[in-house]
């Protein structure tokens, strides 16, 4: 979503930081803010106010369960960098209007995870 790239709202929004929202929750009274299903004027992924998605809490829990199941059962990697022969580099996102998404033309290799 384009609002997620606003430099007035987020520090370095175009750089991936897997701990971005954890760091924000550690500041002051933010423990209950910046959750996956949160809504505010700066977090519009689920809508806002009376138009916020009523199923967002259920959906965010389902997303977490699905991601955990996939990561436990499978190994993922990119076939190769689309711009060179280097393997494993994440390709750039595709931007279409206000929509930002992973490049759908990139080959991702998936295999069953080997038991240890």
N, C-alpha and C. Protein backbone atom coordinates (compact mmCIF):
# COMPACT_ATOMS: atom_id res chain seq x y z
N UNK A 1 0.84 -1.17 0.00
CA UNK A 1 0.00 0.00 0.00
C UNK A 1 0.89 1.24 0.00
N UNK A 2 0.55 2.20 -0.79
CA UNK A 2 1.38 3.39 -0.97
C UNK A 2 1.60 4.17 0.33
N UNK A 3 0.62 4.18 1.22
CA UNK A 3 0.77 4.90 2.50
C UNK A 3 1.93 4.33 3.32
N UNK A 4 2.26 3.06 3.11
CA UNK A 4 3.36 2.43 3.85
C UNK A 4 4.72 2.92 3.40
N UNK A 5 4.79 3.68 2.31
CA UNK A 5 6.06 4.21 1.82
C UNK A 5 6.23 5.70 2.12
N UNK A 6 5.36 6.26 2.94
CA UNK A 6 5.39 7.69 3.26
C UNK A 6 6.52 7.99 4.26
N UNK A 7 7.48 8.79 3.84
CA UNK A 7 8.62 9.13 4.69
C UNK A 7 8.23 10.00 5.88
N UNK A 8 7.06 10.63 5.82
CA UNK A 8 6.60 11.43 6.95
C UNK A 8 6.09 10.53 8.08
N UNK A 9 5.69 9.30 7.74
CA UNK A 9 5.16 8.37 8.74
C UNK A 9 6.21 7.39 9.25
N UNK A 10 7.10 6.95 8.37
CA UNK A 10 8.03 5.87 8.71
C UNK A 10 9.47 6.26 8.39
N UNK A 11 10.39 5.85 9.25
CA UNK A 11 11.82 6.05 8.97
C UNK A 11 12.25 5.05 7.90
N UNK A 12 12.84 5.54 6.84
CA UNK A 12 13.39 4.70 5.77
C UNK A 12 12.37 3.66 5.28
N UNK A 13 11.21 4.09 4.80
CA UNK A 13 10.13 3.16 4.47
C UNK A 13 10.42 2.20 3.32
N UNK A 14 11.35 2.53 2.44
CA UNK A 14 11.62 1.67 1.29
C UNK A 14 12.65 0.59 1.60
N UNK A 15 13.23 0.62 2.80
CA UNK A 15 14.20 -0.39 3.21
C UNK A 15 13.50 -1.37 4.15
N UNK A 16 13.62 -2.67 3.86
CA UNK A 16 12.97 -3.68 4.70
C UNK A 16 13.63 -3.72 6.07
N UNK A 17 12.81 -3.66 7.10
CA UNK A 17 13.26 -3.80 8.48
C UNK A 17 12.26 -4.71 9.18
N UNK A 18 12.62 -5.96 9.35
CA UNK A 18 11.73 -6.94 9.96
C UNK A 18 11.36 -6.62 11.40
N UNK A 19 12.10 -5.72 12.04
CA UNK A 19 11.85 -5.34 13.43
C UNK A 19 11.25 -3.95 13.56
N UNK A 20 10.87 -3.35 12.44
CA UNK A 20 10.36 -1.97 12.44
C UNK A 20 9.25 -1.75 13.47
N UNK A 21 8.24 -2.60 13.46
CA UNK A 21 7.10 -2.39 14.34
C UNK A 21 7.37 -2.86 15.76
N UNK A 22 8.24 -3.83 15.92
CA UNK A 22 8.65 -4.22 17.27
C UNK A 22 9.37 -3.06 17.96
N UNK A 23 10.24 -2.38 17.22
CA UNK A 23 10.95 -1.21 17.77
C UNK A 23 9.96 -0.10 18.14
N UNK A 24 8.96 0.12 17.29
CA UNK A 24 7.96 1.16 17.58
C UNK A 24 7.14 0.82 18.81
N UNK A 25 6.83 -0.48 19.01
CA UNK A 25 6.06 -0.89 20.19
C UNK A 25 6.86 -0.71 21.48
N UNK A 26 8.17 -0.70 21.39
CA UNK A 26 9.02 -0.55 22.58
C UNK A 26 9.11 0.89 23.07
N UNK A 27 8.61 1.83 22.29
CA UNK A 27 8.68 3.25 22.64
C UNK A 27 7.45 3.67 23.44
N UNK A 28 7.67 4.19 24.63
CA UNK A 28 6.58 4.77 25.44
C UNK A 28 5.41 3.84 25.67
N UNK A 29 4.21 4.35 25.40
CA UNK A 29 2.96 3.60 25.62
C UNK A 29 2.47 2.92 24.35
N UNK A 30 3.36 2.49 23.50
CA UNK A 30 2.98 1.91 22.21
C UNK A 30 2.80 0.40 22.22
N UNK A 31 2.77 -0.25 23.39
CA UNK A 31 2.72 -1.71 23.43
C UNK A 31 1.56 -2.29 22.62
N UNK A 32 0.41 -1.63 22.65
CA UNK A 32 -0.77 -2.14 21.95
C UNK A 32 -0.94 -1.56 20.55
N UNK A 33 -0.03 -0.69 20.15
CA UNK A 33 -0.09 -0.11 18.80
C UNK A 33 0.83 -0.89 17.87
N UNK A 34 0.69 -0.65 16.60
CA UNK A 34 1.55 -1.23 15.57
C UNK A 34 1.49 -2.75 15.53
N UNK A 35 0.33 -3.31 15.83
CA UNK A 35 0.10 -4.75 15.70
C UNK A 35 -0.36 -5.02 14.27
N UNK A 36 -0.31 -6.28 13.84
CA UNK A 36 -0.69 -6.62 12.47
C UNK A 36 -2.12 -6.16 12.14
N UNK A 37 -3.03 -6.28 13.09
CA UNK A 37 -4.43 -5.92 12.81
C UNK A 37 -4.80 -4.52 13.28
N UNK A 38 -3.82 -3.71 13.67
CA UNK A 38 -4.10 -2.34 14.13
C UNK A 38 -4.60 -1.45 13.00
N UNK A 39 -5.40 -0.47 13.37
CA UNK A 39 -5.84 0.55 12.41
C UNK A 39 -5.58 1.92 13.02
N UNK A 40 -5.18 2.84 12.19
CA UNK A 40 -4.99 4.24 12.59
C UNK A 40 -4.83 5.04 11.30
N UNK A 41 -4.66 6.34 11.45
CA UNK A 41 -4.49 7.17 10.25
C UNK A 41 -3.17 6.87 9.55
N UNK A 42 -2.22 6.25 10.25
CA UNK A 42 -0.95 5.88 9.61
C UNK A 42 -0.91 4.41 9.22
N UNK A 43 -1.88 3.62 9.66
CA UNK A 43 -1.94 2.19 9.33
C UNK A 43 -3.28 1.89 8.68
N UNK A 44 -3.32 2.00 7.38
CA UNK A 44 -4.59 1.89 6.64
C UNK A 44 -4.79 0.54 5.96
N UNK A 45 -3.95 -0.45 6.26
CA UNK A 45 -4.04 -1.73 5.57
C UNK A 45 -5.39 -2.42 5.75
N UNK A 46 -6.04 -2.22 6.88
CA UNK A 46 -7.33 -2.83 7.16
C UNK A 46 -8.47 -1.80 7.13
N UNK A 47 -8.22 -0.63 6.60
CA UNK A 47 -9.21 0.43 6.62
C UNK A 47 -9.06 1.22 7.91
N UNK A 48 -10.04 2.09 8.18
CA UNK A 48 -9.94 2.93 9.38
C UNK A 48 -11.33 3.32 9.86
N UNK A 49 -11.45 3.51 11.17
CA UNK A 49 -12.71 3.97 11.75
C UNK A 49 -13.84 2.98 11.54
N UNK A 50 -15.02 3.49 11.18
CA UNK A 50 -16.18 2.60 10.99
C UNK A 50 -16.02 1.73 9.75
N UNK A 51 -15.05 2.05 8.90
CA UNK A 51 -14.83 1.26 7.69
C UNK A 51 -13.72 0.22 7.85
N UNK A 52 -13.19 0.06 9.06
CA UNK A 52 -12.14 -0.93 9.30
C UNK A 52 -12.72 -2.33 9.13
N UNK A 53 -11.94 -3.23 8.58
CA UNK A 53 -12.38 -4.60 8.33
C UNK A 53 -12.75 -5.29 9.64
N UNK A 54 -14.00 -5.78 9.77
CA UNK A 54 -14.39 -6.43 11.02
C UNK A 54 -13.72 -7.79 11.23
N UNK A 55 -13.22 -8.40 10.17
CA UNK A 55 -12.57 -9.71 10.29
C UNK A 55 -11.05 -9.64 10.35
N UNK A 56 -10.51 -8.45 10.59
CA UNK A 56 -9.05 -8.27 10.53
C UNK A 56 -8.31 -9.07 11.60
N UNK A 57 -8.88 -9.23 12.78
CA UNK A 57 -8.20 -9.99 13.84
C UNK A 57 -8.15 -11.47 13.48
N UNK A 58 -9.26 -12.00 13.00
CA UNK A 58 -9.28 -13.40 12.55
C UNK A 58 -8.32 -13.59 11.38
N UNK A 59 -8.38 -12.69 10.41
CA UNK A 59 -7.52 -12.80 9.22
C UNK A 59 -6.04 -12.72 9.59
N UNK A 60 -5.67 -11.81 10.49
CA UNK A 60 -4.26 -11.70 10.86
C UNK A 60 -3.78 -12.95 11.59
N UNK A 61 -4.64 -13.55 12.41
CA UNK A 61 -4.27 -14.81 13.06
C UNK A 61 -4.12 -15.94 12.05
N UNK A 62 -5.00 -16.00 11.07
CA UNK A 62 -4.91 -17.03 10.03
C UNK A 62 -3.64 -16.86 9.20
N UNK A 63 -3.27 -15.62 8.90
CA UNK A 63 -2.03 -15.35 8.15
C UNK A 63 -0.83 -15.87 8.94
N UNK A 64 -0.81 -15.62 10.24
CA UNK A 64 0.31 -16.06 11.08
C UNK A 64 0.39 -17.59 11.13
N UNK A 65 -0.75 -18.25 11.27
CA UNK A 65 -0.77 -19.72 11.32
C UNK A 65 -0.29 -20.29 9.98
N UNK A 66 -0.77 -19.73 8.88
CA UNK A 66 -0.37 -20.20 7.55
C UNK A 66 1.13 -20.01 7.33
N UNK A 67 1.65 -18.84 7.68
CA UNK A 67 3.09 -18.58 7.50
C UNK A 67 3.93 -19.53 8.35
N UNK A 68 3.52 -19.77 9.59
CA UNK A 68 4.26 -20.69 10.46
C UNK A 68 4.26 -22.10 9.87
N UNK A 69 3.11 -22.56 9.37
CA UNK A 69 3.02 -23.89 8.79
C UNK A 69 3.91 -24.01 7.55
N UNK A 70 3.89 -23.01 6.68
CA UNK A 70 4.72 -23.04 5.48
C UNK A 70 6.21 -23.04 5.82
N UNK A 71 6.61 -22.20 6.77
CA UNK A 71 8.03 -22.11 7.13
C UNK A 71 8.52 -23.35 7.86
N UNK A 72 7.65 -24.04 8.57
CA UNK A 72 8.04 -25.28 9.24
C UNK A 72 8.17 -26.45 8.26
N UNK A 73 7.38 -26.45 7.19
CA UNK A 73 7.33 -27.60 6.29
C UNK A 73 8.15 -27.49 5.02
N UNK A 74 8.49 -26.25 4.60
CA UNK A 74 9.14 -26.08 3.30
C UNK A 74 10.35 -25.15 3.39
N UNK A 75 11.29 -25.37 2.45
CA UNK A 75 12.41 -24.45 2.24
C UNK A 75 12.10 -23.66 0.99
N UNK A 76 12.39 -22.37 1.01
CA UNK A 76 12.14 -21.48 -0.13
C UNK A 76 13.43 -20.79 -0.52
N UNK A 77 13.60 -20.53 -1.82
CA UNK A 77 14.70 -19.69 -2.29
C UNK A 77 14.37 -19.20 -3.69
N UNK A 78 14.98 -18.09 -4.07
CA UNK A 78 14.83 -17.59 -5.43
C UNK A 78 15.77 -18.38 -6.32
N UNK A 79 15.32 -18.67 -7.55
CA UNK A 79 16.14 -19.45 -8.47
C UNK A 79 17.45 -18.74 -8.75
N UNK A 80 17.38 -17.45 -9.05
CA UNK A 80 18.58 -16.63 -9.25
C UNK A 80 18.17 -15.18 -9.32
N UNK A 81 19.15 -14.30 -9.17
CA UNK A 81 18.90 -12.87 -9.32
C UNK A 81 18.53 -12.62 -10.77
N UNK A 82 17.45 -11.93 -11.01
CA UNK A 82 16.98 -11.70 -12.38
C UNK A 82 17.91 -10.79 -13.17
N UNK A 83 18.79 -10.04 -12.49
CA UNK A 83 19.67 -9.10 -13.17
C UNK A 83 21.11 -9.57 -13.25
N UNK A 84 21.43 -10.73 -12.66
CA UNK A 84 22.79 -11.25 -12.71
C UNK A 84 22.75 -12.74 -12.46
N UNK A 85 23.90 -13.35 -12.33
CA UNK A 85 23.97 -14.78 -12.06
C UNK A 85 24.05 -15.09 -10.57
N UNK A 86 23.94 -14.07 -9.73
CA UNK A 86 24.00 -14.26 -8.29
C UNK A 86 22.70 -14.90 -7.81
N UNK A 87 22.79 -15.89 -6.95
CA UNK A 87 21.59 -16.53 -6.43
C UNK A 87 21.09 -15.83 -5.17
N UNK A 88 19.84 -16.04 -4.86
CA UNK A 88 19.21 -15.70 -3.59
C UNK A 88 18.92 -14.23 -3.33
N UNK A 89 19.19 -13.32 -4.21
CA UNK A 89 18.88 -11.92 -3.94
C UNK A 89 17.40 -11.65 -4.22
N UNK A 90 16.74 -10.99 -3.28
CA UNK A 90 15.32 -10.70 -3.45
C UNK A 90 15.12 -9.68 -4.56
N UNK A 91 14.24 -9.99 -5.53
CA UNK A 91 13.97 -9.04 -6.62
C UNK A 91 13.17 -7.83 -6.14
N UNK A 92 13.22 -6.78 -6.91
CA UNK A 92 12.49 -5.55 -6.58
C UNK A 92 10.98 -5.78 -6.67
N UNK A 93 10.23 -4.99 -5.90
CA UNK A 93 8.77 -5.03 -5.94
C UNK A 93 8.25 -4.44 -7.25
N UNK A 94 7.02 -4.76 -7.56
CA UNK A 94 6.31 -4.17 -8.69
C UNK A 94 5.33 -3.14 -8.11
N UNK A 95 5.34 -1.94 -8.66
CA UNK A 95 4.44 -0.88 -8.20
C UNK A 95 3.44 -0.59 -9.31
N UNK A 96 2.15 -0.74 -8.99
CA UNK A 96 1.07 -0.45 -9.93
C UNK A 96 0.11 0.51 -9.24
N UNK A 97 0.21 1.78 -9.53
CA UNK A 97 -0.63 2.77 -8.87
C UNK A 97 -0.32 2.82 -7.39
N UNK A 98 -1.32 2.54 -6.54
CA UNK A 98 -1.10 2.54 -5.09
C UNK A 98 -0.77 1.14 -4.57
N UNK A 99 -0.72 0.17 -5.46
CA UNK A 99 -0.47 -1.21 -5.06
C UNK A 99 1.01 -1.54 -5.20
N UNK A 100 1.60 -2.10 -4.16
CA UNK A 100 3.00 -2.54 -4.18
C UNK A 100 2.99 -4.03 -3.85
N UNK A 101 3.61 -4.84 -4.72
CA UNK A 101 3.57 -6.29 -4.51
C UNK A 101 4.86 -6.93 -5.00
N UNK A 102 5.13 -8.16 -4.55
CA UNK A 102 6.29 -8.88 -5.06
C UNK A 102 6.15 -9.12 -6.56
N UNK A 103 7.27 -9.22 -7.25
CA UNK A 103 7.25 -9.45 -8.69
C UNK A 103 6.68 -10.84 -8.98
N UNK A 104 5.54 -10.94 -9.68
CA UNK A 104 4.93 -12.24 -9.94
C UNK A 104 5.66 -13.07 -10.99
N UNK A 105 6.61 -12.49 -11.69
CA UNK A 105 7.33 -13.20 -12.75
C UNK A 105 8.62 -13.86 -12.27
N UNK A 106 8.93 -13.74 -10.99
CA UNK A 106 10.17 -14.30 -10.45
C UNK A 106 9.95 -15.76 -10.07
N UNK A 107 10.92 -16.59 -10.40
CA UNK A 107 10.84 -18.01 -10.09
C UNK A 107 11.28 -18.25 -8.65
N UNK A 108 10.43 -18.92 -7.87
CA UNK A 108 10.74 -19.29 -6.49
C UNK A 108 10.79 -20.80 -6.42
N UNK A 109 11.87 -21.34 -5.87
CA UNK A 109 12.02 -22.78 -5.71
C UNK A 109 11.53 -23.17 -4.32
N UNK A 110 10.72 -24.24 -4.27
CA UNK A 110 10.15 -24.71 -3.01
C UNK A 110 10.41 -26.20 -2.91
N UNK A 111 10.84 -26.66 -1.73
CA UNK A 111 11.02 -28.10 -1.52
C UNK A 111 10.60 -28.44 -0.10
N UNK A 112 10.27 -29.72 0.10
CA UNK A 112 9.94 -30.18 1.44
C UNK A 112 11.16 -29.99 2.34
N UNK A 113 10.93 -29.55 3.55
CA UNK A 113 12.03 -29.35 4.50
C UNK A 113 12.57 -30.72 4.93
N UNK A 114 13.89 -30.82 4.99
CA UNK A 114 14.54 -32.05 5.40
C UNK A 114 14.49 -32.15 6.92
N UNK A 115 14.04 -33.30 7.42
CA UNK A 115 13.98 -33.51 8.87
C UNK A 115 15.39 -33.63 9.42
N UNK A 116 15.63 -33.03 10.58
CA UNK A 116 16.96 -33.12 11.21
C UNK A 116 16.91 -34.00 12.42
